PDB file of all heavy atoms in Angstrom:
ATOM      1  N   LEU A   1      -2.300   5.216  10.303  1.00  0.00           N
ATOM      2  CA  LEU A   1      -3.057   5.351   9.054  1.00  0.00           C
ATOM      3  C   LEU A   1      -3.821   4.080   8.766  1.00  0.00           C
ATOM      4  O   LEU A   1      -3.343   2.993   9.086  1.00  0.00           O
ATOM      5  CB  LEU A   1      -2.108   5.633   7.882  1.00  0.00           C
ATOM      6  CG  LEU A   1      -1.201   6.863   7.984  1.00  0.00           C
ATOM      7  CD1 LEU A   1      -0.454   7.088   6.692  1.00  0.00           C
ATOM      8  CD2 LEU A   1      -1.966   8.147   8.373  1.00  0.00           C
ATOM      9  N   SER A   2      -4.970   4.264   8.201  1.00  0.00           N
ATOM     10  CA  SER A   2      -5.796   3.108   7.787  1.00  0.00           C
ATOM     11  C   SER A   2      -6.168   3.234   6.314  1.00  0.00           C
ATOM     12  O   SER A   2      -6.287   4.352   5.791  1.00  0.00           O
ATOM     13  CB  SER A   2      -7.132   3.022   8.608  1.00  0.00           C
ATOM     14  OG  SER A   2      -6.802   2.842   9.967  1.00  0.00           O
ATOM     15  N   CYS A   3      -6.343   2.146   5.674  1.00  0.00           N
ATOM     16  CA  CYS A   3      -6.801   2.115   4.262  1.00  0.00           C
ATOM     17  C   CYS A   3      -7.878   1.069   4.170  1.00  0.00           C
ATOM     18  O   CYS A   3      -7.560  -0.155   4.253  1.00  0.00           O
ATOM     19  CB  CYS A   3      -5.636   1.825   3.331  1.00  0.00           C
ATOM     20  SG  CYS A   3      -6.132   1.554   1.599  1.00  0.00           S
ATOM     21  N   ALA A   4      -9.114   1.508   3.986  1.00  0.00           N
ATOM     22  CA  ALA A   4     -10.235   0.602   3.813  1.00  0.00           C
ATOM     23  C   ALA A   4     -10.431   0.270   2.356  1.00  0.00           C
ATOM     24  O   ALA A   4     -10.552   1.170   1.497  1.00  0.00           O
ATOM     25  CB  ALA A   4     -11.495   1.214   4.384  1.00  0.00           C
ATOM     26  N   ALA A   5     -10.403  -1.021   2.010  1.00  0.00           N
ATOM     27  CA  ALA A   5     -10.472  -1.444   0.623  1.00  0.00           C
ATOM     28  C   ALA A   5     -11.829  -2.088   0.320  1.00  0.00           C
ATOM     29  O   ALA A   5     -12.393  -2.840   1.162  1.00  0.00           O
ATOM     30  CB  ALA A   5      -9.347  -2.424   0.334  1.00  0.00           C
ATOM     31  N   SER A   6     -12.320  -1.866  -0.866  1.00  0.00           N
ATOM     32  CA  SER A   6     -13.532  -2.506  -1.373  1.00  0.00           C
ATOM     33  C   SER A   6     -13.388  -2.739  -2.850  1.00  0.00           C
ATOM     34  O   SER A   6     -12.627  -2.022  -3.517  1.00  0.00           O
ATOM     35  CB  SER A   6     -14.781  -1.702  -1.055  1.00  0.00           C
ATOM     36  OG  SER A   6     -14.735  -0.445  -1.631  1.00  0.00           O
ATOM     37  N   GLY A   7     -14.062  -3.736  -3.379  1.00  0.00           N
ATOM     38  CA  GLY A   7     -14.046  -4.014  -4.805  1.00  0.00           C
ATOM     39  C   GLY A   7     -12.849  -4.867  -5.216  1.00  0.00           C
ATOM     40  O   GLY A   7     -12.654  -5.071  -6.415  1.00  0.00           O
ATOM     41  N   ILE A   8     -12.036  -5.308  -4.221  1.00  0.00           N
ATOM     42  CA  ILE A   8     -10.969  -6.232  -4.528  1.00  0.00           C
ATOM     43  C   ILE A   8     -11.033  -7.386  -3.572  1.00  0.00           C
ATOM     44  O   ILE A   8     -11.686  -7.321  -2.539  1.00  0.00           O
ATOM     45  CB  ILE A   8      -9.579  -5.532  -4.372  1.00  0.00           C
ATOM     46  CG1 ILE A   8      -9.363  -5.016  -2.963  1.00  0.00           C
ATOM     47  CG2 ILE A   8      -9.361  -4.433  -5.418  1.00  0.00           C
ATOM     48  CD1 ILE A   8      -7.989  -4.472  -2.690  1.00  0.00           C
ATOM     49  N   ILE A   9     -10.376  -8.498  -3.971  1.00  0.00           N
ATOM     50  CA  ILE A   9     -10.251  -9.616  -3.018  1.00  0.00           C
ATOM     51  C   ILE A   9      -9.036  -9.345  -2.171  1.00  0.00           C
ATOM     52  O   ILE A   9      -7.908  -9.722  -2.515  1.00  0.00           O
ATOM     53  CB  ILE A   9     -10.146 -10.955  -3.788  1.00  0.00           C
ATOM     54  CG1 ILE A   9     -11.256 -11.077  -4.813  1.00  0.00           C
ATOM     55  CG2 ILE A   9     -10.168 -12.119  -2.831  1.00  0.00           C
ATOM     56  CD1 ILE A   9     -11.160 -12.316  -5.689  1.00  0.00           C
ATOM     57  N   PHE A  10      -9.289  -8.644  -1.079  1.00  0.00           N
ATOM     58  CA  PHE A  10      -8.230  -8.060  -0.300  1.00  0.00           C
ATOM     59  C   PHE A  10      -7.187  -9.135   0.182  1.00  0.00           C
ATOM     60  O   PHE A  10      -5.971  -8.875   0.147  1.00  0.00           O
ATOM     61  CB  PHE A  10      -8.827  -7.364   0.926  1.00  0.00           C
ATOM     62  CG  PHE A  10      -7.795  -6.597   1.737  1.00  0.00           C
ATOM     63  CD1 PHE A  10      -7.345  -5.355   1.362  1.00  0.00           C
ATOM     64  CD2 PHE A  10      -7.350  -7.138   2.967  1.00  0.00           C
ATOM     65  CE1 PHE A  10      -6.448  -4.649   2.154  1.00  0.00           C
ATOM     66  CE2 PHE A  10      -6.446  -6.456   3.737  1.00  0.00           C
ATOM     67  CZ  PHE A  10      -5.939  -5.224   3.320  1.00  0.00           C
ATOM     68  N   SER A  11      -7.686 -10.294   0.583  1.00  0.00           N
ATOM     69  CA  SER A  11      -6.801 -11.246   1.219  1.00  0.00           C
ATOM     70  C   SER A  11      -5.721 -11.834   0.267  1.00  0.00           C
ATOM     71  O   SER A  11      -4.672 -12.329   0.742  1.00  0.00           O
ATOM     72  CB  SER A  11      -7.625 -12.438   1.781  1.00  0.00           C
ATOM     73  OG  SER A  11      -8.347 -13.078   0.723  1.00  0.00           O
ATOM     74  N   ILE A  12      -5.918 -11.708  -1.059  1.00  0.00           N
ATOM     75  CA  ILE A  12      -4.957 -12.260  -2.012  1.00  0.00           C
ATOM     76  C   ILE A  12      -4.294 -11.113  -2.770  1.00  0.00           C
ATOM     77  O   ILE A  12      -3.666 -11.375  -3.851  1.00  0.00           O
ATOM     78  CB  ILE A  12      -5.576 -13.279  -2.971  1.00  0.00           C
ATOM     79  CG1 ILE A  12      -6.689 -12.659  -3.768  1.00  0.00           C
ATOM     80  CG2 ILE A  12      -6.052 -14.512  -2.205  1.00  0.00           C
ATOM     81  CD1 ILE A  12      -7.191 -13.582  -4.872  1.00  0.00           C
ATOM     82  N   THR A  13      -4.377  -9.924  -2.253  1.00  0.00           N
ATOM     83  CA  THR A  13      -3.803  -8.768  -2.961  1.00  0.00           C
ATOM     84  C   THR A  13      -2.641  -8.193  -2.160  1.00  0.00           C
ATOM     85  O   THR A  13      -2.719  -8.035  -0.945  1.00  0.00           O
ATOM     86  CB  THR A  13      -4.896  -7.621  -3.068  1.00  0.00           C
ATOM     87  OG1 THR A  13      -5.988  -8.157  -3.823  1.00  0.00           O
ATOM     88  CG2 THR A  13      -4.316  -6.418  -3.781  1.00  0.00           C
ATOM     89  N   ASP A  14      -1.487  -7.906  -2.836  1.00  0.00           N
ATOM     90  CA  ASP A  14      -0.396  -7.238  -2.215  1.00  0.00           C
ATOM     91  C   ASP A  14      -0.761  -5.751  -1.992  1.00  0.00           C
ATOM     92  O   ASP A  14      -1.435  -5.168  -2.851  1.00  0.00           O
ATOM     93  CB  ASP A  14       0.858  -7.320  -3.106  1.00  0.00           C
ATOM     94  CG  ASP A  14       1.308  -8.747  -3.305  1.00  0.00           C
ATOM     95  OD1 ASP A  14       1.043  -9.586  -2.456  1.00  0.00           O
ATOM     96  OD2 ASP A  14       1.990  -8.969  -4.326  1.00  0.00           O
ATOM     97  N   MET A  15      -0.314  -5.220  -0.904  1.00  0.00           N
ATOM     98  CA  MET A  15      -0.656  -3.848  -0.514  1.00  0.00           C
ATOM     99  C   MET A  15       0.569  -3.029  -0.153  1.00  0.00           C
ATOM    100  O   MET A  15       1.590  -3.616   0.258  1.00  0.00           O
ATOM    101  CB  MET A  15      -1.656  -3.816   0.638  1.00  0.00           C
ATOM    102  CG  MET A  15      -2.949  -4.615   0.398  1.00  0.00           C
ATOM    103  SD  MET A  15      -3.994  -3.847  -0.834  1.00  0.00           S
ATOM    104  CE  MET A  15      -4.351  -2.229  -0.057  1.00  0.00           C
ATOM    105  N   GLY A  16       0.451  -1.750  -0.276  1.00  0.00           N
ATOM    106  CA  GLY A  16       1.603  -0.936   0.089  1.00  0.00           C
ATOM    107  C   GLY A  16       1.187   0.505   0.476  1.00  0.00           C
ATOM    108  O   GLY A  16       0.108   0.947   0.130  1.00  0.00           O
ATOM    109  N   TRP A  17       2.058   1.138   1.218  1.00  0.00           N
ATOM    110  CA  TRP A  17       1.930   2.570   1.561  1.00  0.00           C
ATOM    111  C   TRP A  17       3.012   3.329   0.863  1.00  0.00           C
ATOM    112  O   TRP A  17       4.207   2.874   0.904  1.00  0.00           O
ATOM    113  CB  TRP A  17       2.069   2.789   3.062  1.00  0.00           C
ATOM    114  CG  TRP A  17       0.855   2.373   3.846  1.00  0.00           C
ATOM    115  CD1 TRP A  17       0.688   1.229   4.616  1.00  0.00           C
ATOM    116  CD2 TRP A  17      -0.388   3.100   3.992  1.00  0.00           C
ATOM    117  NE1 TRP A  17      -0.511   1.219   5.189  1.00  0.00           N
ATOM    118  CE2 TRP A  17      -1.221   2.331   4.846  1.00  0.00           C
ATOM    119  CE3 TRP A  17      -0.823   4.337   3.503  1.00  0.00           C
ATOM    120  CZ2 TRP A  17      -2.482   2.788   5.197  1.00  0.00           C
ATOM    121  CZ3 TRP A  17      -2.083   4.751   3.881  1.00  0.00           C
ATOM    122  CH2 TRP A  17      -2.896   3.989   4.694  1.00  0.00           C
ATOM    123  N   TYR A  18       2.673   4.386   0.193  1.00  0.00           N
ATOM    124  CA  TYR A  18       3.600   5.254  -0.504  1.00  0.00           C
ATOM    125  C   TYR A  18       3.415   6.635   0.068  1.00  0.00           C
ATOM    126  O   TYR A  18       2.429   6.965   0.679  1.00  0.00           O
ATOM    127  CB  TYR A  18       3.297   5.304  -2.040  1.00  0.00           C
ATOM    128  CG  TYR A  18       3.622   3.993  -2.764  1.00  0.00           C
ATOM    129  CD1 TYR A  18       2.875   2.852  -2.537  1.00  0.00           C
ATOM    130  CD2 TYR A  18       4.674   3.948  -3.642  1.00  0.00           C
ATOM    131  CE1 TYR A  18       3.163   1.676  -3.210  1.00  0.00           C
ATOM    132  CE2 TYR A  18       4.988   2.785  -4.321  1.00  0.00           C
ATOM    133  CZ  TYR A  18       4.234   1.638  -4.081  1.00  0.00           C
ATOM    134  OH  TYR A  18       4.506   0.483  -4.760  1.00  0.00           O
ATOM    135  N   ARG A  19       4.401   7.503  -0.196  1.00  0.00           N
ATOM    136  CA  ARG A  19       4.281   8.852   0.208  1.00  0.00           C
ATOM    137  C   ARG A  19       4.886   9.787  -0.828  1.00  0.00           C
ATOM    138  O   ARG A  19       5.816   9.414  -1.546  1.00  0.00           O
ATOM    139  CB  ARG A  19       4.865   9.147   1.581  1.00  0.00           C
ATOM    140  CG  ARG A  19       6.357   9.002   1.637  1.00  0.00           C
ATOM    141  CD  ARG A  19       6.894   9.111   3.079  1.00  0.00           C
ATOM    142  NE  ARG A  19       8.338   8.932   3.227  1.00  0.00           N
ATOM    143  CZ  ARG A  19       8.983   8.831   4.361  1.00  0.00           C
ATOM    144  NH1 ARG A  19       8.294   8.942   5.534  1.00  0.00           N
ATOM    145  NH2 ARG A  19      10.265   8.677   4.417  1.00  0.00           N
ATOM    146  N   GLN A  20       4.393  11.014  -0.855  1.00  0.00           N
ATOM    147  CA  GLN A  20       4.978  12.030  -1.758  1.00  0.00           C
ATOM    148  C   GLN A  20       5.024  13.356  -1.060  1.00  0.00           C
ATOM    149  O   GLN A  20       3.959  13.876  -0.644  1.00  0.00           O
ATOM    150  CB  GLN A  20       4.079  12.141  -3.024  1.00  0.00           C
ATOM    151  CG  GLN A  20       4.728  13.010  -4.092  1.00  0.00           C
ATOM    152  CD  GLN A  20       4.068  12.838  -5.442  1.00  0.00           C
ATOM    153  OE1 GLN A  20       2.944  12.414  -5.558  1.00  0.00           O
ATOM    154  NE2 GLN A  20       4.776  13.266  -6.494  1.00  0.00           N
ATOM    155  N   ALA A  21       6.238  13.835  -0.891  1.00  0.00           N
ATOM    156  CA  ALA A  21       6.460  15.144  -0.335  1.00  0.00           C
ATOM    157  C   ALA A  21       6.489  16.190  -1.403  1.00  0.00           C
ATOM    158  O   ALA A  21       6.764  15.872  -2.585  1.00  0.00           O
ATOM    159  CB  ALA A  21       7.743  15.141   0.514  1.00  0.00           C
ATOM    160  N   PRO A  22       6.233  17.441  -1.045  1.00  0.00           N
ATOM    161  CA  PRO A  22       6.270  18.477  -2.116  1.00  0.00           C
ATOM    162  C   PRO A  22       7.595  18.572  -2.804  1.00  0.00           C
ATOM    163  O   PRO A  22       8.640  18.543  -2.226  1.00  0.00           O
ATOM    164  CB  PRO A  22       6.037  19.762  -1.277  1.00  0.00           C
ATOM    165  CG  PRO A  22       5.310  19.331  -0.042  1.00  0.00           C
ATOM    166  CD  PRO A  22       5.791  17.950   0.264  1.00  0.00           C
ATOM    167  N   GLY A  23       7.519  18.531  -4.154  1.00  0.00           N
ATOM    168  CA  GLY A  23       8.706  18.604  -4.978  1.00  0.00           C
ATOM    169  C   GLY A  23       9.503  17.337  -5.105  1.00  0.00           C
ATOM    170  O   GLY A  23      10.598  17.351  -5.639  1.00  0.00           O
ATOM    171  N   LYS A  24       8.956  16.239  -4.545  1.00  0.00           N
ATOM    172  CA  LYS A  24       9.669  14.986  -4.583  1.00  0.00           C
ATOM    173  C   LYS A  24       8.833  13.938  -5.304  1.00  0.00           C
ATOM    174  O   LYS A  24       7.623  14.062  -5.371  1.00  0.00           O
ATOM    175  CB  LYS A  24      10.029  14.526  -3.167  1.00  0.00           C
ATOM    176  CG  LYS A  24      11.031  15.424  -2.466  1.00  0.00           C
ATOM    177  CD  LYS A  24      11.504  14.811  -1.166  1.00  0.00           C
ATOM    178  CE  LYS A  24      12.579  15.653  -0.523  1.00  0.00           C
ATOM    179  NZ  LYS A  24      13.076  15.055   0.770  1.00  0.00           N
ATOM    180  N   GLN A  25       9.520  12.880  -5.719  1.00  0.00           N
ATOM    181  CA  GLN A  25       8.781  11.756  -6.301  1.00  0.00           C
ATOM    182  C   GLN A  25       8.128  10.913  -5.253  1.00  0.00           C
ATOM    183  O   GLN A  25       8.527  10.838  -4.131  1.00  0.00           O
ATOM    184  CB  GLN A  25       9.772  10.912  -7.106  1.00  0.00           C
ATOM    185  CG  GLN A  25      10.296  11.552  -8.401  1.00  0.00           C
ATOM    186  CD  GLN A  25      11.031  10.570  -9.266  1.00  0.00           C
ATOM    187  OE1 GLN A  25      11.733   9.698  -8.754  1.00  0.00           O
ATOM    188  NE2 GLN A  25      10.965  10.734 -10.568  1.00  0.00           N
ATOM    189  N   ARG A  26       7.050  10.274  -5.674  1.00  0.00           N
ATOM    190  CA  ARG A  26       6.352   9.336  -4.793  1.00  0.00           C
ATOM    191  C   ARG A  26       7.321   8.128  -4.520  1.00  0.00           C
ATOM    192  O   ARG A  26       7.902   7.637  -5.452  1.00  0.00           O
ATOM    193  CB  ARG A  26       5.074   8.836  -5.426  1.00  0.00           C
ATOM    194  CG  ARG A  26       4.147   8.128  -4.475  1.00  0.00           C
ATOM    195  CD  ARG A  26       2.798   7.832  -5.124  1.00  0.00           C
ATOM    196  NE  ARG A  26       2.097   9.085  -5.480  1.00  0.00           N
ATOM    197  CZ  ARG A  26       0.816   9.076  -5.901  1.00  0.00           C
ATOM    198  NH1 ARG A  26       0.138   7.962  -6.025  1.00  0.00           N
ATOM    199  NH2 ARG A  26       0.186  10.189  -6.165  1.00  0.00           N
ATOM    200  N   GLU A  27       7.359   7.734  -3.279  1.00  0.00           N
ATOM    201  CA  GLU A  27       8.239   6.602  -2.908  1.00  0.00           C
ATOM    202  C   GLU A  27       7.442   5.576  -2.109  1.00  0.00           C
ATOM    203  O   GLU A  27       6.541   5.913  -1.368  1.00  0.00           O
ATOM    204  CB  GLU A  27       9.440   7.100  -2.107  1.00  0.00           C
ATOM    205  CG  GLU A  27       9.112   7.666  -0.727  1.00  0.00           C
ATOM    206  CD  GLU A  27      10.294   7.898   0.167  1.00  0.00           C
ATOM    207  OE1 GLU A  27      11.414   7.461  -0.183  1.00  0.00           O
ATOM    208  OE2 GLU A  27      10.143   8.513   1.257  1.00  0.00           O
ATOM    209  N   LEU A  28       7.878   4.334  -2.239  1.00  0.00           N
ATOM    210  CA  LEU A  28       7.332   3.260  -1.449  1.00  0.00           C
ATOM    211  C   LEU A  28       7.848   3.414  -0.013  1.00  0.00           C
ATOM    212  O   LEU A  28       9.045   3.539   0.243  1.00  0.00           O
ATOM    213  CB  LEU A  28       7.756   1.933  -2.017  1.00  0.00           C
ATOM    214  CG  LEU A  28       7.393   0.680  -1.182  1.00  0.00           C
ATOM    215  CD1 LEU A  28       5.874   0.515  -1.132  1.00  0.00           C
ATOM    216  CD2 LEU A  28       8.062  -0.565  -1.739  1.00  0.00           C
ATOM    217  N   VAL A  29       6.936   3.407   0.915  1.00  0.00           N
ATOM    218  CA  VAL A  29       7.290   3.493   2.378  1.00  0.00           C
ATOM    219  C   VAL A  29       7.346   2.024   2.918  1.00  0.00           C
ATOM    220  O   VAL A  29       8.319   1.678   3.602  1.00  0.00           O
ATOM    221  CB  VAL A  29       6.314   4.312   3.140  1.00  0.00           C
ATOM    222  CG1 VAL A  29       6.579   4.289   4.629  1.00  0.00           C
ATOM    223  CG2 VAL A  29       6.258   5.743   2.624  1.00  0.00           C
ATOM    224  N   ALA A  30       6.304   1.281   2.712  1.00  0.00           N
ATOM    225  CA  ALA A  30       6.259  -0.091   3.219  1.00  0.00           C
ATOM    226  C   ALA A  30       5.285  -0.897   2.389  1.00  0.00           C
ATOM    227  O   ALA A  30       4.338  -0.408   1.874  1.00  0.00           O
ATOM    228  CB  ALA A  30       5.749  -0.050   4.695  1.00  0.00           C
ATOM    229  N   GLY A  31       5.585  -2.180   2.299  1.00  0.00           N
ATOM    230  CA  GLY A  31       4.758  -3.059   1.522  1.00  0.00           C
ATOM    231  C   GLY A  31       4.470  -4.309   2.356  1.00  0.00           C
ATOM    232  O   GLY A  31       5.254  -4.723   3.203  1.00  0.00           O
ATOM    233  N   ILE A  32       3.347  -4.952   2.054  1.00  0.00           N
ATOM    234  CA  ILE A  32       2.982  -6.220   2.698  1.00  0.00           C
ATOM    235  C   ILE A  32       2.338  -7.115   1.626  1.00  0.00           C
ATOM    236  O   ILE A  32       1.380  -6.718   0.942  1.00  0.00           O
ATOM    237  CB  ILE A  32       2.123  -5.993   3.941  1.00  0.00           C
ATOM    238  CG1 ILE A  32       1.865  -7.318   4.644  1.00  0.00           C
ATOM    239  CG2 ILE A  32       0.807  -5.317   3.547  1.00  0.00           C
ATOM    240  CD1 ILE A  32       1.267  -7.157   6.022  1.00  0.00           C
ATOM    241  N   SER A  33       2.858  -8.318   1.517  1.00  0.00           N
ATOM    242  CA  SER A  33       2.352  -9.225   0.529  1.00  0.00           C
ATOM    243  C   SER A  33       1.058  -9.864   1.035  1.00  0.00           C
ATOM    244  O   SER A  33       0.694  -9.729   2.212  1.00  0.00           O
ATOM    245  CB  SER A  33       3.397 -10.320   0.214  1.00  0.00           C
ATOM    246  OG  SER A  33       3.454 -11.177   1.322  1.00  0.00           O
ATOM    247  N   SER A  34       0.368 -10.566   0.151  1.00  0.00           N
ATOM    248  CA  SER A  34      -0.864 -11.233   0.573  1.00  0.00           C
ATOM    249  C   SER A  34      -0.532 -12.307   1.639  1.00  0.00           C
ATOM    250  O   SER A  34      -1.349 -12.649   2.488  1.00  0.00           O
ATOM    251  CB  SER A  34      -1.499 -11.915  -0.631  1.00  0.00           C
ATOM    252  OG  SER A  34      -0.593 -12.833  -1.296  1.00  0.00           O
ATOM    253  N   GLY A  35       0.709 -12.763   1.590  1.00  0.00           N
ATOM    254  CA  GLY A  35       1.127 -13.780   2.608  1.00  0.00           C
ATOM    255  C   GLY A  35       1.655 -13.181   3.889  1.00  0.00           C
ATOM    256  O   GLY A  35       2.031 -13.881   4.812  1.00  0.00           O
ATOM    257  N   GLY A  36       1.716 -11.834   3.956  1.00  0.00           N
ATOM    258  CA  GLY A  36       2.158 -11.153   5.175  1.00  0.00           C
ATOM    259  C   GLY A  36       3.609 -10.774   5.232  1.00  0.00           C
ATOM    260  O   GLY A  36       4.089 -10.224   6.211  1.00  0.00           O
ATOM    261  N   ARG A  37       4.340 -11.021   4.135  1.00  0.00           N
ATOM    262  CA  ARG A  37       5.740 -10.612   4.132  1.00  0.00           C
ATOM    263  C   ARG A  37       5.848  -9.089   3.974  1.00  0.00           C
ATOM    264  O   ARG A  37       5.133  -8.534   3.163  1.00  0.00           O
ATOM    265  CB  ARG A  37       6.486 -11.308   2.974  1.00  0.00           C
ATOM    266  CG  ARG A  37       7.958 -11.039   2.936  1.00  0.00           C
ATOM    267  CD  ARG A  37       8.625 -12.009   2.016  1.00  0.00           C
ATOM    268  NE  ARG A  37       8.031 -12.002   0.705  1.00  0.00           N
ATOM    269  CZ  ARG A  37       8.259 -12.920  -0.224  1.00  0.00           C
ATOM    270  NH1 ARG A  37       9.088 -13.904   0.009  1.00  0.00           N
ATOM    271  NH2 ARG A  37       7.687 -12.807  -1.392  1.00  0.00           N
TER     272      ARG A  37
END
């Protein structure tokens, strides 16, 4: 998966992937900080 970002200062922004299955709550799958953690 790819996520192309615009309108933000991407390099200093924390980012994450979430998912939502039918009938379930949205959950955090993976996160990455601006520093790469």
